[in-house]
PDB file of N, CA and C in Angstrom:
ATOM      1  N   MET A   1     -16.258  29.903   8.919  1.00  0.00           N
ATOM      2  CA  MET A   1     -16.365  28.316   7.915  1.00  0.00           C
ATOM      3  C   MET A   1     -16.411  27.404   8.766  1.00  0.00           C
ATOM      4  N   ALA A   2     -16.710  26.268   7.568  1.00  0.00           N
ATOM      5  CA  ALA A   2     -16.760  24.827   7.892  1.00  0.00           C
ATOM      6  C   ALA A   2     -15.751  23.938   8.234  1.00  0.00           C
ATOM      7  N   ARG A   3     -15.400  22.904   9.061  1.00  0.00           N
ATOM      8  CA  ARG A   3     -14.485  22.490   9.277  1.00  0.00           C
ATOM      9  C   ARG A   3     -14.482  21.201   8.208  1.00  0.00           C
ATOM     10  N   PRO A   4     -13.519  21.342   7.105  1.00  0.00           N
ATOM     11  CA  PRO A   4     -13.474  20.193   6.650  1.00  0.00           C
ATOM     12  C   PRO A   4     -13.369  18.246   6.995  1.00  0.00           C
ATOM     13  N   ARG A   5     -14.184  18.042   6.536  1.00  0.00           N
ATOM     14  CA  ARG A   5     -14.546  16.144   7.060  1.00  0.00           C
ATOM     15  C   ARG A   5     -13.436  15.528   6.953  1.00  0.00           C
ATOM     16  N   LEU A   6     -12.275  15.205   7.467  1.00  0.00           N
ATOM     17  CA  LEU A   6     -11.507  14.813   7.450  1.00  0.00           C
ATOM     18  C   LEU A   6     -12.114  13.143   7.378  1.00  0.00           C
ATOM     19  N   ARG A   7     -10.837  12.394   6.304  1.00  0.00           N
ATOM     20  CA  ARG A   7     -10.951  10.845   6.323  1.00  0.00           C
ATOM     21  C   ARG A   7      -9.710  10.174   6.312  1.00  0.00           C
ATOM     22  N   ILE A   8      -9.159   8.729   6.415  1.00  0.00           N
ATOM     23  CA  ILE A   8      -8.599   8.529   6.466  1.00  0.00           C
ATOM     24  C   ILE A   8      -8.646   7.446   5.358  1.00  0.00           C
ATOM     25  N   LYS A   9      -7.285   7.307   4.365  1.00  0.00           N
ATOM     26  CA  LYS A   9      -6.932   6.181   3.484  1.00  0.00           C
ATOM     27  C   LYS A   9      -5.762   4.991   3.388  1.00  0.00           C
ATOM     28  N   SER A  10      -5.956   4.299   3.443  1.00  0.00           N
ATOM     29  CA  SER A  10      -4.985   3.544   3.457  1.00  0.00           C
ATOM     30  C   SER A  10      -5.186   2.399   1.981  1.00  0.00           C
ATOM     31  N   LYS A  11      -3.734   2.429   1.714  1.00  0.00           N
ATOM     32  CA  LYS A  11      -3.506   0.998   0.590  1.00  0.00           C
ATOM     33  C   LYS A  11      -2.741  -0.443   0.721  1.00  0.00           C
ATOM     34  N   VAL A  12      -3.820  -1.388   0.526  1.00  0.00           N
ATOM     35  CA  VAL A  12      -3.130  -2.922   1.035  1.00  0.00           C
ATOM     36  C   VAL A  12      -2.643  -3.020  -0.481  1.00  0.00           C
ATOM     37  N   TRP A  13      -1.414  -3.975  -0.805  1.00  0.00           N
ATOM     38  CA  TRP A  13      -0.667  -4.577  -1.521  1.00  0.00           C
ATOM     39  C   TRP A  13       0.053  -6.068  -1.226  1.00  0.00           C
ATOM     40  N   LEU A  14       0.410  -7.046  -1.862  1.00  0.00           N
ATOM     41  CA  LEU A  14       0.780  -7.848  -1.188  1.00  0.00           C
ATOM     42  C   LEU A  14       2.130  -7.686  -1.828  1.00  0.00           C
ATOM     43  N   GLU A  15       3.279  -8.120  -1.336  1.00  0.00           N
ATOM     44  CA  GLU A  15       5.138  -8.006  -1.887  1.00  0.00           C
ATOM     45  C   GLU A  15       5.675  -9.550  -1.571  1.00  0.00           C
ATOM     46  N   ALA A  16       6.390  -9.497  -2.225  1.00  0.00           N
ATOM     47  CA  ALA A  16       7.348 -11.079  -2.373  1.00  0.00           C
ATOM     48  C   ALA A  16       8.477 -10.232  -3.192  1.00  0.00           C
ATOM     49  N   ASN A  17       9.758 -10.565  -1.933  1.00  0.00           N
ATOM     50  CA  ASN A  17      11.077  -9.933  -2.454  1.00  0.00           C
ATOM     51  C   ASN A  17      11.228  -8.364  -2.819  1.00  0.00           C
ATOM     52  N   GLY A  18      10.192  -7.765  -2.021  1.00  0.00           N
ATOM     53  CA  GLY A  18      10.012  -6.075  -2.303  1.00  0.00           C
ATOM     54  C   GLY A  18       9.875  -5.615  -3.514  1.00  0.00           C
ATOM     55  N   ARG A  19       8.793  -6.140  -4.096  1.00  0.00           N
ATOM     56  CA  ARG A  19       8.092  -6.558  -5.370  1.00  0.00           C
ATOM     57  C   ARG A  19       6.742  -6.591  -5.240  1.00  0.00           C
ATOM     58  N   MET A  20       5.729  -5.418  -5.436  1.00  0.00           N
ATOM     59  CA  MET A  20       4.426  -6.033  -5.530  1.00  0.00           C
ATOM     60  C   MET A  20       3.972  -6.502  -6.417  1.00  0.00           C
ATOM     61  N   ILE A  21       3.312  -7.870  -5.977  1.00  0.00           N
ATOM     62  CA  ILE A  21       2.406  -8.626  -6.644  1.00  0.00           C
ATOM     63  C   ILE A  21       0.990  -8.751  -6.833  1.00  0.00           C
ATOM     64  N   PHE A  22       0.522  -8.135  -5.953  1.00  0.00           N
ATOM     65  CA  PHE A  22      -0.958  -8.354  -5.815  1.00  0.00           C
ATOM     66  C   PHE A  22      -1.434  -6.845  -5.169  1.00  0.00           C
ATOM     67  N   SER A  23      -2.478  -6.323  -5.732  1.00  0.00           N
ATOM     68  CA  SER A  23      -2.840  -5.351  -5.287  1.00  0.00           C
ATOM     69  C   SER A  23      -4.818  -4.755  -5.894  1.00  0.00           C
ATOM     70  N   ASP A  24      -4.753  -3.792  -5.866  1.00  0.00           N
ATOM     71  CA  ASP A  24      -6.375  -3.258  -6.016  1.00  0.00           C
ATOM     72  C   ASP A  24      -7.235  -3.586  -7.790  1.00  0.00           C
ATOM     73  N   GLY A  25      -5.525  -2.981  -8.428  1.00  0.00           N
ATOM     74  CA  GLY A  25      -5.717  -3.485  -9.755  1.00  0.00           C
ATOM     75  C   GLY A  25      -5.742  -5.229 -10.378  1.00  0.00           C
ATOM     76  N   ARG A  26      -4.852  -5.637  -9.635  1.00  0.00           N
ATOM     77  CA  ARG A  26      -5.361  -7.445 -10.203  1.00  0.00           C
ATOM     78  C   ARG A  26      -6.263  -7.835  -9.568  1.00  0.00           C
ATOM     79  N   LEU A  27      -6.977  -7.527  -8.304  1.00  0.00           N
ATOM     80  CA  LEU A  27      -7.850  -7.607  -8.097  1.00  0.00           C
ATOM     81  C   LEU A  27      -8.782  -7.541  -8.629  1.00  0.00           C
ATOM     82  N   GLN A  28      -9.151  -6.521  -9.296  1.00  0.00           N
ATOM     83  CA  GLN A  28     -10.404  -5.890 -10.191  1.00  0.00           C
ATOM     84  C   GLN A  28     -10.203  -6.753 -11.300  1.00  0.00           C
ATOM     85  N   LEU A  29      -8.918  -7.207 -12.150  1.00  0.00           N
ATOM     86  CA  LEU A  29      -8.807  -7.662 -13.209  1.00  0.00           C
ATOM     87  C   LEU A  29      -9.317  -9.628 -12.701  1.00  0.00           C
ATOM     88  N   LEU A  30      -9.099  -9.853 -11.793  1.00  0.00           N
ATOM     89  CA  LEU A  30      -9.115 -11.360 -11.340  1.00  0.00           C
ATOM     90  C   LEU A  30     -10.890 -10.854 -11.584  1.00  0.00           C
ATOM     91  N   GLU A  31     -11.144  -9.981 -10.679  1.00  0.00           N
ATOM     92  CA  GLU A  31     -12.883 -10.096 -10.390  1.00  0.00           C
ATOM     93  C   GLU A  31     -13.184  -9.694 -11.972  1.00  0.00           C
ATOM     94  N   ALA A  32     -12.819  -9.461 -12.794  1.00  0.00           N
ATOM     95  CA  ALA A  32     -13.116  -9.395 -14.108  1.00  0.00           C
ATOM     96  C   ALA A  32     -13.398 -10.727 -15.126  1.00  0.00           C
ATOM     97  N   VAL A  33     -12.232 -11.275 -14.925  1.00  0.00           N
ATOM     98  CA  VAL A  33     -12.047 -12.307 -15.492  1.00  0.00           C
ATOM     99  C   VAL A  33     -13.529 -13.458 -15.309  1.00  0.00           C
ATOM    100  N   ALA A  34     -13.502 -13.494 -13.779  1.00  0.00           N
ATOM    101  CA  ALA A  34     -14.525 -14.268 -12.806  1.00  0.00           C
ATOM    102  C   ALA A  34     -16.029 -13.789 -13.557  1.00  0.00           C
ATOM    103  N   GLU A  35     -16.056 -12.500 -13.641  1.00  0.00           N
ATOM    104  CA  GLU A  35     -17.092 -12.144 -13.929  1.00  0.00           C
ATOM    105  C   GLU A  35     -17.803 -11.968 -15.787  1.00  0.00           C
ATOM    106  N   LEU A  36     -16.603 -11.940 -16.519  1.00  0.00           N
ATOM    107  CA  LEU A  36     -17.179 -12.236 -18.130  1.00  0.00           C
ATOM    108  C   LEU A  36     -16.453 -13.214 -18.949  1.00  0.00           C
ATOM    109  N   GLY A  37     -15.659 -14.563 -17.796  1.00  0.00           N
ATOM    110  CA  GLY A  37     -15.051 -15.391 -18.534  1.00  0.00           C
ATOM    111  C   GLY A  37     -13.674 -15.691 -19.635  1.00  0.00           C
ATOM    112  N   SER A  38     -13.359 -14.256 -19.491  1.00  0.00           N
ATOM    113  CA  SER A  38     -12.110 -13.681 -20.751  1.00  0.00           C
ATOM    114  C   SER A  38     -11.301 -13.149 -20.268  1.00  0.00           C
ATOM    115  N   LEU A  39      -9.974 -13.296 -20.344  1.00  0.00           N
ATOM    116  CA  LEU A  39      -9.231 -12.405 -19.985  1.00  0.00           C
ATOM    117  C   LEU A  39      -8.692 -11.015 -20.884  1.00  0.00           C
ATOM    118  N   ARG A  40      -9.391 -11.343 -22.491  1.00  0.00           N
ATOM    119  CA  ARG A  40      -9.354 -10.421 -22.852  1.00  0.00           C
ATOM    120  C   ARG A  40     -10.389  -9.568 -23.195  1.00  0.00           C
ATOM    121  N   GLN A  41     -11.442  -9.711 -22.560  1.00  0.00           N
ATOM    122  CA  GLN A  41     -12.805  -9.129 -21.944  1.00  0.00           C
ATOM    123  C   GLN A  41     -12.352  -8.191 -20.871  1.00  0.00           C
ATOM    124  N   ALA A  42     -11.821  -9.087 -20.022  1.00  0.00           N
ATOM    125  CA  ALA A  42     -11.616  -8.010 -18.615  1.00  0.00           C
ATOM    126  C   ALA A  42     -10.220  -7.049 -18.403  1.00  0.00           C
ATOM    127  N   ALA A  43      -9.217  -7.529 -19.294  1.00  0.00           N
ATOM    128  CA  ALA A  43      -8.834  -6.474 -19.879  1.00  0.00           C
ATOM    129  C   ALA A  43      -9.010  -5.075 -20.501  1.00  0.00           C
ATOM    130  N   ARG A  44      -9.759  -5.515 -21.801  1.00  0.00           N
ATOM    131  CA  ARG A  44     -10.629  -4.208 -22.477  1.00  0.00           C
ATOM    132  C   ARG A  44     -11.225  -3.200 -21.585  1.00  0.00           C
ATOM    133  N   GLY A  45     -12.276  -4.018 -20.532  1.00  0.00           N
ATOM    134  CA  GLY A  45     -12.999  -3.871 -20.086  1.00  0.00           C
ATOM    135  C   GLY A  45     -12.068  -2.387 -18.651  1.00  0.00           C
ATOM    136  N   LEU A  46     -11.650  -2.548 -18.508  1.00  0.00           N
ATOM    137  CA  LEU A  46     -10.504  -2.069 -17.057  1.00  0.00           C
ATOM    138  C   LEU A  46      -8.907  -1.023 -18.283  1.00  0.00           C
ATOM    139  N   GLY A  47      -9.642  -0.995 -19.929  1.00  0.00           N
ATOM    140  CA  GLY A  47      -8.518  -0.045 -20.531  1.00  0.00           C
ATOM    141  C   GLY A  47      -7.156  -0.514 -20.019  1.00  0.00           C
ATOM    142  N   MET A  48      -7.203  -1.888 -20.442  1.00  0.00           N
ATOM    143  CA  MET A  48      -5.772  -2.367 -20.228  1.00  0.00           C
ATOM    144  C   MET A  48      -5.353  -3.615 -21.626  1.00  0.00           C
ATOM    145  N   SER A  49      -3.989  -3.652 -21.882  1.00  0.00           N
ATOM    146  CA  SER A  49      -3.640  -4.266 -22.931  1.00  0.00           C
ATOM    147  C   SER A  49      -4.159  -5.863 -22.039  1.00  0.00           C
ATOM    148  N   TYR A  50      -4.020  -6.774 -23.583  1.00  0.00           N
ATOM    149  CA  TYR A  50      -4.405  -8.141 -23.033  1.00  0.00           C
ATOM    150  C   TYR A  50      -2.967  -8.370 -22.095  1.00  0.00           C
ATOM    151  N   ARG A  51      -1.920  -8.185 -23.421  1.00  0.00           N
ATOM    152  CA  ARG A  51      -0.214  -8.239 -22.772  1.00  0.00           C
ATOM    153  C   ARG A  51      -0.295  -8.021 -21.510  1.00  0.00           C
ATOM    154  N   ALA A  52      -0.105  -6.412 -21.196  1.00  0.00           N
ATOM    155  CA  ALA A  52      -0.292  -6.153 -19.766  1.00  0.00           C
ATOM    156  C   ALA A  52      -0.857  -6.879 -18.845  1.00  0.00           C
ATOM    157  N   ALA A  53      -2.336  -7.721 -19.148  1.00  0.00           N
ATOM    158  CA  ALA A  53      -2.855  -7.809 -17.862  1.00  0.00           C
ATOM    159  C   ALA A  53      -2.174  -9.021 -17.701  1.00  0.00           C
ATOM    160  N   TRP A  54      -1.935  -9.929 -19.183  1.00  0.00           N
ATOM    161  CA  TRP A  54      -1.175 -11.412 -19.186  1.00  0.00           C
ATOM    162  C   TRP A  54      -0.182 -11.383 -18.413  1.00  0.00           C
ATOM    163  N   GLY A  55       0.828 -10.300 -18.612  1.00  0.00           N
ATOM    164  CA  GLY A  55       1.840 -10.030 -17.776  1.00  0.00           C
ATOM    165  C   GLY A  55       1.852  -9.684 -16.102  1.00  0.00           C
ATOM    166  N   LEU A  56       0.962  -8.700 -15.873  1.00  0.00           N
ATOM    167  CA  LEU A  56       1.115  -8.683 -14.516  1.00  0.00           C
ATOM    168  C   LEU A  56       0.595  -9.942 -13.670  1.00  0.00           C
ATOM    169  N   LEU A  57      -0.306 -11.136 -14.229  1.00  0.00           N
ATOM    170  CA  LEU A  57      -1.458 -11.932 -13.936  1.00  0.00           C
ATOM    171  C   LEU A  57       0.058 -13.407 -13.673  1.00  0.00           C
ATOM    172  N   LYS A  58       1.193 -13.069 -14.675  1.00  0.00           N
ATOM    173  CA  LYS A  58       2.211 -14.062 -14.843  1.00  0.00           C
ATOM    174  C   LYS A  58       2.733 -13.943 -13.432  1.00  0.00           C
ATOM    175  N   VAL A  59       3.241 -12.439 -13.651  1.00  0.00           N
ATOM    176  CA  VAL A  59       4.098 -12.197 -12.509  1.00  0.00           C
ATOM    177  C   VAL A  59       3.582 -12.401 -10.968  1.00  0.00           C
ATOM    178  N   THR A  60       2.687 -12.162 -10.505  1.00  0.00           N
ATOM    179  CA  THR A  60       1.373 -12.616  -9.338  1.00  0.00           C
ATOM    180  C   THR A  60       1.698 -13.990  -9.025  1.00  0.00           C
ATOM    181  N   GLU A  61       1.573 -15.101 -10.390  1.00  0.00           N
ATOM    182  CA  GLU A  61       1.549 -16.435 -10.272  1.00  0.00           C
ATOM    183  C   GLU A  61       2.728 -17.456 -10.154  1.00  0.00           C
ATOM    184  N   ARG A  62       3.974 -16.066 -10.589  1.00  0.00           N
ATOM    185  CA  ARG A  62       4.791 -16.874 -10.191  1.00  0.00           C
ATOM    186  C   ARG A  62       5.642 -16.458  -8.923  1.00  0.00           C
ATOM    187  N   ALA A  63       5.235 -15.481  -8.480  1.00  0.00           N
ATOM    188  CA  ALA A  63       5.321 -15.786  -6.411  1.00  0.00           C
ATOM    189  C   ALA A  63       4.949 -16.549  -6.437  1.00  0.00           C
ATOM    190  N   LEU A  64       3.422 -16.746  -6.352  1.00  0.00           N
ATOM    191  CA  LEU A  64       2.881 -17.396  -5.216  1.00  0.00           C
ATOM    192  C   LEU A  64       2.749 -18.984  -5.314  1.00  0.00           C
ATOM    193  N   GLY A  65       3.786 -19.284  -6.918  1.00  0.00           N
ATOM    194  CA  GLY A  65       3.921 -20.681  -7.257  1.00  0.00           C
ATOM    195  C   GLY A  65       3.224 -21.377  -7.636  1.00  0.00           C
ATOM    196  N   ALA A  66       1.674 -20.271  -7.962  1.00  0.00           N
ATOM    197  CA  ALA A  66       0.587 -21.515  -8.216  1.00  0.00           C
ATOM    198  C   ALA A  66      -0.041 -20.674  -9.411  1.00  0.00           C
ATOM    199  N   PRO A  67      -1.024 -21.488 -10.258  1.00  0.00           N
ATOM    200  CA  PRO A  67      -2.007 -20.517 -11.291  1.00  0.00           C
ATOM    201  C   PRO A  67      -3.050 -20.201 -10.807  1.00  0.00           C
ATOM    202  N   LEU A  68      -3.412 -18.565 -11.528  1.00  0.00           N
ATOM    203  CA  LEU A  68      -4.311 -18.439 -11.431  1.00  0.00           C
ATOM    204  C   LEU A  68      -5.764 -18.639 -12.282  1.00  0.00           C
ATOM    205  N   LEU A  69      -5.266 -18.655 -13.563  1.00  0.00           N
ATOM    206  CA  LEU A  69      -6.361 -18.793 -14.316  1.00  0.00           C
ATOM    207  C   LEU A  69      -6.118 -20.179 -14.953  1.00  0.00           C
ATOM    208  N   ALA A  70      -7.102 -20.738 -15.567  1.00  0.00           N
ATOM    209  CA  ALA A  70      -7.688 -22.053 -16.324  1.00  0.00           C
ATOM    210  C   ALA A  70      -7.895 -21.446 -17.435  1.00  0.00           C
ATOM    211  N   VAL A  71      -7.031 -21.913 -18.548  1.00  0.00           N
ATOM    212  CA  VAL A  71      -7.838 -21.204 -19.832  1.00  0.00           C
ATOM    213  C   VAL A  71      -8.407 -22.023 -20.524  1.00  0.00           C
ATOM    214  N   THR A  72      -8.498 -22.035 -21.429  1.00  0.00           N
ATOM    215  CA  THR A  72      -9.078 -22.810 -22.941  1.00  0.00           C
ATOM    216  C   THR A  72      -8.838 -22.090 -24.219  1.00  0.00           C
ATOM    217  N   ILE A  73      -8.561 -22.683 -25.544  1.00  0.00           N
ATOM    218  CA  ILE A  73      -7.422 -22.198 -26.408  1.00  0.00           C
ATOM    219  C   ILE A  73      -9.026 -22.156 -27.057  1.00  0.00           C
ATOM    220  N   GLY A  74      -9.341 -20.958 -27.963  1.00  0.00           N
ATOM    221  CA  GLY A  74     -10.387 -20.691 -28.940  1.00  0.00           C
ATOM    222  C   GLY A  74     -11.299 -21.811 -29.488  1.00  0.00           C
ATOM    223  N   GLY A  75     -11.537 -22.197 -30.929  1.00  0.00           N
ATOM    224  CA  GLY A  75     -11.934 -23.300 -31.468  1.00  0.00           C
ATOM    225  C   GLY A  75     -13.068 -22.996 -31.698  1.00  0.00           C
ATOM    226  N   ARG A  76     -14.411 -23.488 -31.898  1.00  0.00           N
ATOM    227  CA  ARG A  76     -15.640 -23.105 -32.582  1.00  0.00           C
ATOM    228  C   ARG A  76     -16.363 -22.632 -31.835  1.00  0.00           C
ATOM    229  N   ALA A  77     -16.195 -22.641 -29.904  1.00  0.00           N
ATOM    230  CA  ALA A  77     -17.322 -22.199 -28.790  1.00  0.00           C
ATOM    231  C   ALA A  77     -16.307 -21.046 -28.534  1.00  0.00           C
ATOM    232  N   GLY A  78     -15.220 -21.084 -28.749  1.00  0.00           N
ATOM    233  CA  GLY A  78     -14.206 -19.719 -28.564  1.00  0.00           C
ATOM    234  C   GLY A  78     -13.646 -20.018 -27.151  1.00  0.00           C
ATOM    235  N   GLY A  79     -12.534 -19.368 -27.066  1.00  0.00           N
ATOM    236  CA  GLY A  79     -11.589 -19.542 -25.913  1.00  0.00           C
ATOM    237  C   GLY A  79     -12.449 -19.126 -24.692  1.00  0.00           C
ATOM    238  N   GLY A  80     -11.898 -19.374 -23.732  1.00  0.00           N
ATOM    239  CA  GLY A  80     -12.620 -18.545 -22.035  1.00  0.00           C
ATOM    240  C   GLY A  80     -11.328 -18.967 -21.136  1.00  0.00           C
ATOM    241  N   ALA A  81     -11.717 -17.873 -19.792  1.00  0.00           N
ATOM    242  CA  ALA A  81     -10.040 -18.139 -19.157  1.00  0.00           C
ATOM    243  C   ALA A  81     -11.598 -18.182 -17.486  1.00  0.00           C
ATOM    244  N   ARG A  82     -11.266 -18.835 -16.487  1.00  0.00           N
ATOM    245  CA  ARG A  82     -11.735 -18.974 -15.394  1.00  0.00           C
ATOM    246  C   ARG A  82     -10.815 -18.934 -14.592  1.00  0.00           C
ATOM    247  N   LEU A  83     -11.515 -18.294 -12.837  1.00  0.00           N
ATOM    248  CA  LEU A  83     -10.431 -18.520 -11.931  1.00  0.00           C
ATOM    249  C   LEU A  83     -10.093 -19.887 -11.358  1.00  0.00           C
ATOM    250  N   THR A  84      -9.079 -20.199 -11.384  1.00  0.00           N
ATOM    251  CA  THR A  84      -8.468 -21.498 -10.327  1.00  0.00           C
ATOM    252  C   THR A  84      -9.120 -21.289  -8.774  1.00  0.00           C
ATOM    253  N   PRO A  85      -9.078 -22.614  -8.150  1.00  0.00           N
ATOM    254  CA  PRO A  85      -9.241 -22.390  -6.804  1.00  0.00           C
ATOM    255  C   PRO A  85      -8.477 -21.284  -5.832  1.00  0.00           C
ATOM    256  N   GLU A  86      -7.186 -21.653  -6.168  1.00  0.00           N
ATOM    257  CA  GLU A  86      -6.151 -20.967  -5.845  1.00  0.00           C
ATOM    258  C   GLU A  86      -6.485 -19.247  -6.018  1.00  0.00           C
ATOM    259  N   ALA A  87      -6.579 -18.664  -7.260  1.00  0.00           N
ATOM    260  CA  ALA A  87      -7.227 -17.290  -7.288  1.00  0.00           C
ATOM    261  C   ALA A  87      -8.719 -17.012  -6.363  1.00  0.00           C
ATOM    262  N   ARG A  88      -9.047 -17.710  -6.667  1.00  0.00           N
ATOM    263  CA  ARG A  88     -10.749 -17.395  -5.603  1.00  0.00           C
ATOM    264  C   ARG A  88     -10.239 -17.080  -4.357  1.00  0.00           C
ATOM    265  N   ALA A  89      -9.451 -18.041  -3.225  1.00  0.00           N
ATOM    266  CA  ALA A  89      -8.738 -18.131  -2.169  1.00  0.00           C
ATOM    267  C   ALA A  89      -8.196 -16.712  -2.009  1.00  0.00           C
ATOM    268  N   LEU A  90      -7.101 -16.177  -3.290  1.00  0.00           N
ATOM    269  CA  LEU A  90      -6.161 -15.070  -3.197  1.00  0.00           C
ATOM    270  C   LEU A  90      -7.361 -13.652  -2.819  1.00  0.00           C
ATOM    271  N   VAL A  91      -8.167 -14.099  -3.944  1.00  0.00           N
ATOM    272  CA  VAL A  91      -9.328 -12.863  -4.242  1.00  0.00           C
ATOM    273  C   VAL A  91      -9.979 -12.740  -2.860  1.00  0.00           C
ATOM    274  N   ARG A  92     -10.246 -13.777  -1.868  1.00  0.00           N
ATOM    275  CA  ARG A  92     -11.429 -14.214  -0.633  1.00  0.00           C
ATOM    276  C   ARG A  92     -10.380 -13.353   0.348  1.00  0.00           C
ATOM    277  N   ARG A  93      -9.118 -13.956   0.466  1.00  0.00           N
ATOM    278  CA  ARG A  93      -7.993 -13.738   1.652  1.00  0.00           C
ATOM    279  C   ARG A  93      -8.058 -11.772   1.329  1.00  0.00           C
ATOM    280  N   PHE A  94      -7.455 -11.841   0.148  1.00  0.00           N
ATOM    281  CA  PHE A  94      -6.971 -10.402   0.023  1.00  0.00           C
ATOM    282  C   PHE A  94      -8.093  -9.421   0.983  1.00  0.00           C
ATOM    283  N   ARG A  95      -9.182  -9.663   0.006  1.00  0.00           N
ATOM    284  CA  ARG A  95     -10.494  -9.042   0.360  1.00  0.00           C
ATOM    285  C   ARG A  95     -10.887  -8.467   2.047  1.00  0.00           C
ATOM    286  N   ARG A  96     -10.335  -9.840   2.508  1.00  0.00           N
ATOM    287  CA  ARG A  96     -10.356 -10.150   4.145  1.00  0.00           C
ATOM    288  C   ARG A  96      -9.322  -9.017   5.109  1.00  0.00           C
ATOM    289  N   VAL A  97      -8.295  -9.143   4.192  1.00  0.00           N
ATOM    290  CA  VAL A  97      -7.016  -8.517   4.853  1.00  0.00           C
ATOM    291  C   VAL A  97      -7.805  -6.609   4.787  1.00  0.00           C
ATOM    292  N   LYS A  98      -7.726  -6.467   3.409  1.00  0.00           N
ATOM    293  CA  LYS A  98      -8.423  -4.873   3.145  1.00  0.00           C
ATOM    294  C   LYS A  98      -9.502  -4.724   4.370  1.00  0.00           C
ATOM    295  N   ALA A  99     -10.468  -5.166   4.387  1.00  0.00           N
ATOM    296  CA  ALA A  99     -11.612  -4.981   4.920  1.00  0.00           C
ATOM    297  C   ALA A  99     -10.678  -4.687   6.785  1.00  0.00           C
ATOM    298  N   ARG A 100     -10.354  -5.613   6.847  1.00  0.00           N
ATOM    299  CA  ARG A 100      -9.777  -5.426   8.612  1.00  0.00           C
ATOM    300  C   ARG A 100      -8.807  -4.554   8.562  1.00  0.00           C
ATOM    301  N   VAL A 101      -8.049  -4.046   7.704  1.00  0.00           N
ATOM    302  CA  VAL A 101      -7.177  -3.094   7.727  1.00  0.00           C
ATOM    303  C   VAL A 101      -7.903  -1.732   7.555  1.00  0.00           C
ATOM    304  N   ASN A 102      -8.430  -1.280   6.854  1.00  0.00           N
ATOM    305  CA  ASN A 102      -9.506  -0.370   6.819  1.00  0.00           C
ATOM    306  C   ASN A 102     -10.449   0.035   8.341  1.00  0.00           C
ATOM    307  N   ARG A 103     -11.034  -1.245   8.737  1.00  0.00           N
ATOM    308  CA  ARG A 103     -11.587  -1.212  10.081  1.00  0.00           C
ATOM    309  C   ARG A 103     -11.060  -0.789  10.820  1.00  0.00           C
ATOM    310  N   ALA A 104      -9.212  -0.770  11.039  1.00  0.00           N
ATOM    311  CA  ALA A 104      -8.358  -1.001  12.236  1.00  0.00           C
ATOM    312  C   ALA A 104      -7.990   0.232  11.587  1.00  0.00           C
ATOM    313  N   ALA A 105      -7.734   1.022  10.964  1.00  0.00           N
ATOM    314  CA  ALA A 105      -7.289   2.216  10.352  1.00  0.00           C
ATOM    315  C   ALA A 105      -8.278   3.424  10.141  1.00  0.00           C
ATOM    316  N   ASP A 106      -9.541   3.130  10.469  1.00  0.00           N
ATOM    317  CA  ASP A 106     -10.830   4.110  10.554  1.00  0.00           C
ATOM    318  C   ASP A 106     -11.141   4.126  12.229  1.00  0.00           C
ATOM    319  N   GLY A 107     -10.624   3.280  12.845  1.00  0.00           N
ATOM    320  CA  GLY A 107     -10.807   2.992  14.291  1.00  0.00           C
ATOM    321  C   GLY A 107      -9.643   3.840  14.889  1.00  0.00           C
ATOM    322  N   ALA A 108      -8.063   3.886  14.441  1.00  0.00           N
ATOM    323  CA  ALA A 108      -7.690   4.702  14.654  1.00  0.00           C
ATOM    324  C   ALA A 108      -7.920   6.331  14.536  1.00  0.00           C
ATOM    325  N   PHE A 109      -7.891   6.350  13.354  1.00  0.00           N
ATOM    326  CA  PHE A 109      -8.103   8.005  13.002  1.00  0.00           C
ATOM    327  C   PHE A 109      -9.542   8.015  13.763  1.00  0.00           C
ATOM    328  N   ALA A 110     -10.210   7.994  14.213  1.00  0.00           N
ATOM    329  CA  ALA A 110     -11.198   8.419  15.305  1.00  0.00           C
ATOM    330  C   ALA A 110     -10.665   8.588  16.530  1.00  0.00           C
ATOM    331  N   ARG A 111     -10.146   7.536  16.752  1.00  0.00           N
ATOM    332  CA  ARG A 111      -9.525   7.825  18.433  1.00  0.00           C
ATOM    333  C   ARG A 111      -8.428   9.254  18.353  1.00  0.00           C
ATOM    334  N   ALA A 112      -7.502   8.995  17.018  1.00  0.00           N
ATOM    335  CA  ALA A 112      -6.758   9.910  16.988  1.00  0.00           C
ATOM    336  C   ALA A 112      -7.377  11.231  17.076  1.00  0.00           C
ATOM    337  N   PHE A 113      -8.692  11.395  16.038  1.00  0.00           N
ATOM    338  CA  PHE A 113      -8.992  12.877  15.666  1.00  0.00           C
ATOM    339  C   PHE A 113     -10.399  13.263  16.099  1.00  0.00           C
ATOM    340  N   ARG A 114     -10.750  12.805  17.413  1.00  0.00           N
ATOM    341  CA  ARG A 114     -11.889  12.656  17.963  1.00  0.00           C
ATOM    342  C   ARG A 114     -11.983  14.589  18.229  1.00  0.00           C
ATOM    343  N   ARG A 115     -13.274  15.287  17.794  1.00  0.00           N
ATOM    344  CA  ARG A 115     -13.103  16.266  17.754  1.00  0.00           C
ATOM    345  C   ARG A 115     -13.650  16.431  19.435  1.00  0.00           C
ATOM    346  N   SER A 116     -13.033  17.558  20.332  1.00  0.00           N
ATOM    347  CA  SER A 116     -13.142  17.934  21.332  1.00  0.00           C
ATOM    348  C   SER A 116     -14.315  19.050  21.503  1.00  0.00           C
ATOM    349  N   ARG A 117     -15.078  18.586  22.746  1.00  0.00           N
ATOM    350  CA  ARG A 117     -16.572  19.688  22.647  1.00  0.00           C
ATOM    351  C   ARG A 117     -16.189  20.442  23.718  1.00  0.00           C
TER     352      ARG A 117
END
């Protein structure tokens, strides 16, 4: 019987005062807003309500003390949202830390579970 291929998985998130304020879900939400130009469309694309998406981002904004979206209200041209410089920096930094954590976890796993020959 073949041995199963083992892999290590890790999750990274940011907490403030013991409360999760940013994780992969919010990262995906911000990236969808950047792509679609709308929080409503981003939320819909991720299968969540606008209200839930808005609430998640507000929690993160309060914890960080910085706005994540620059929003324009409807009208003839329609409304929209774009990431603030703080949000773009958060996305970039979070992705960088996740990549580093994953590389470190992969290395630790490889060292701990080397197949003996």
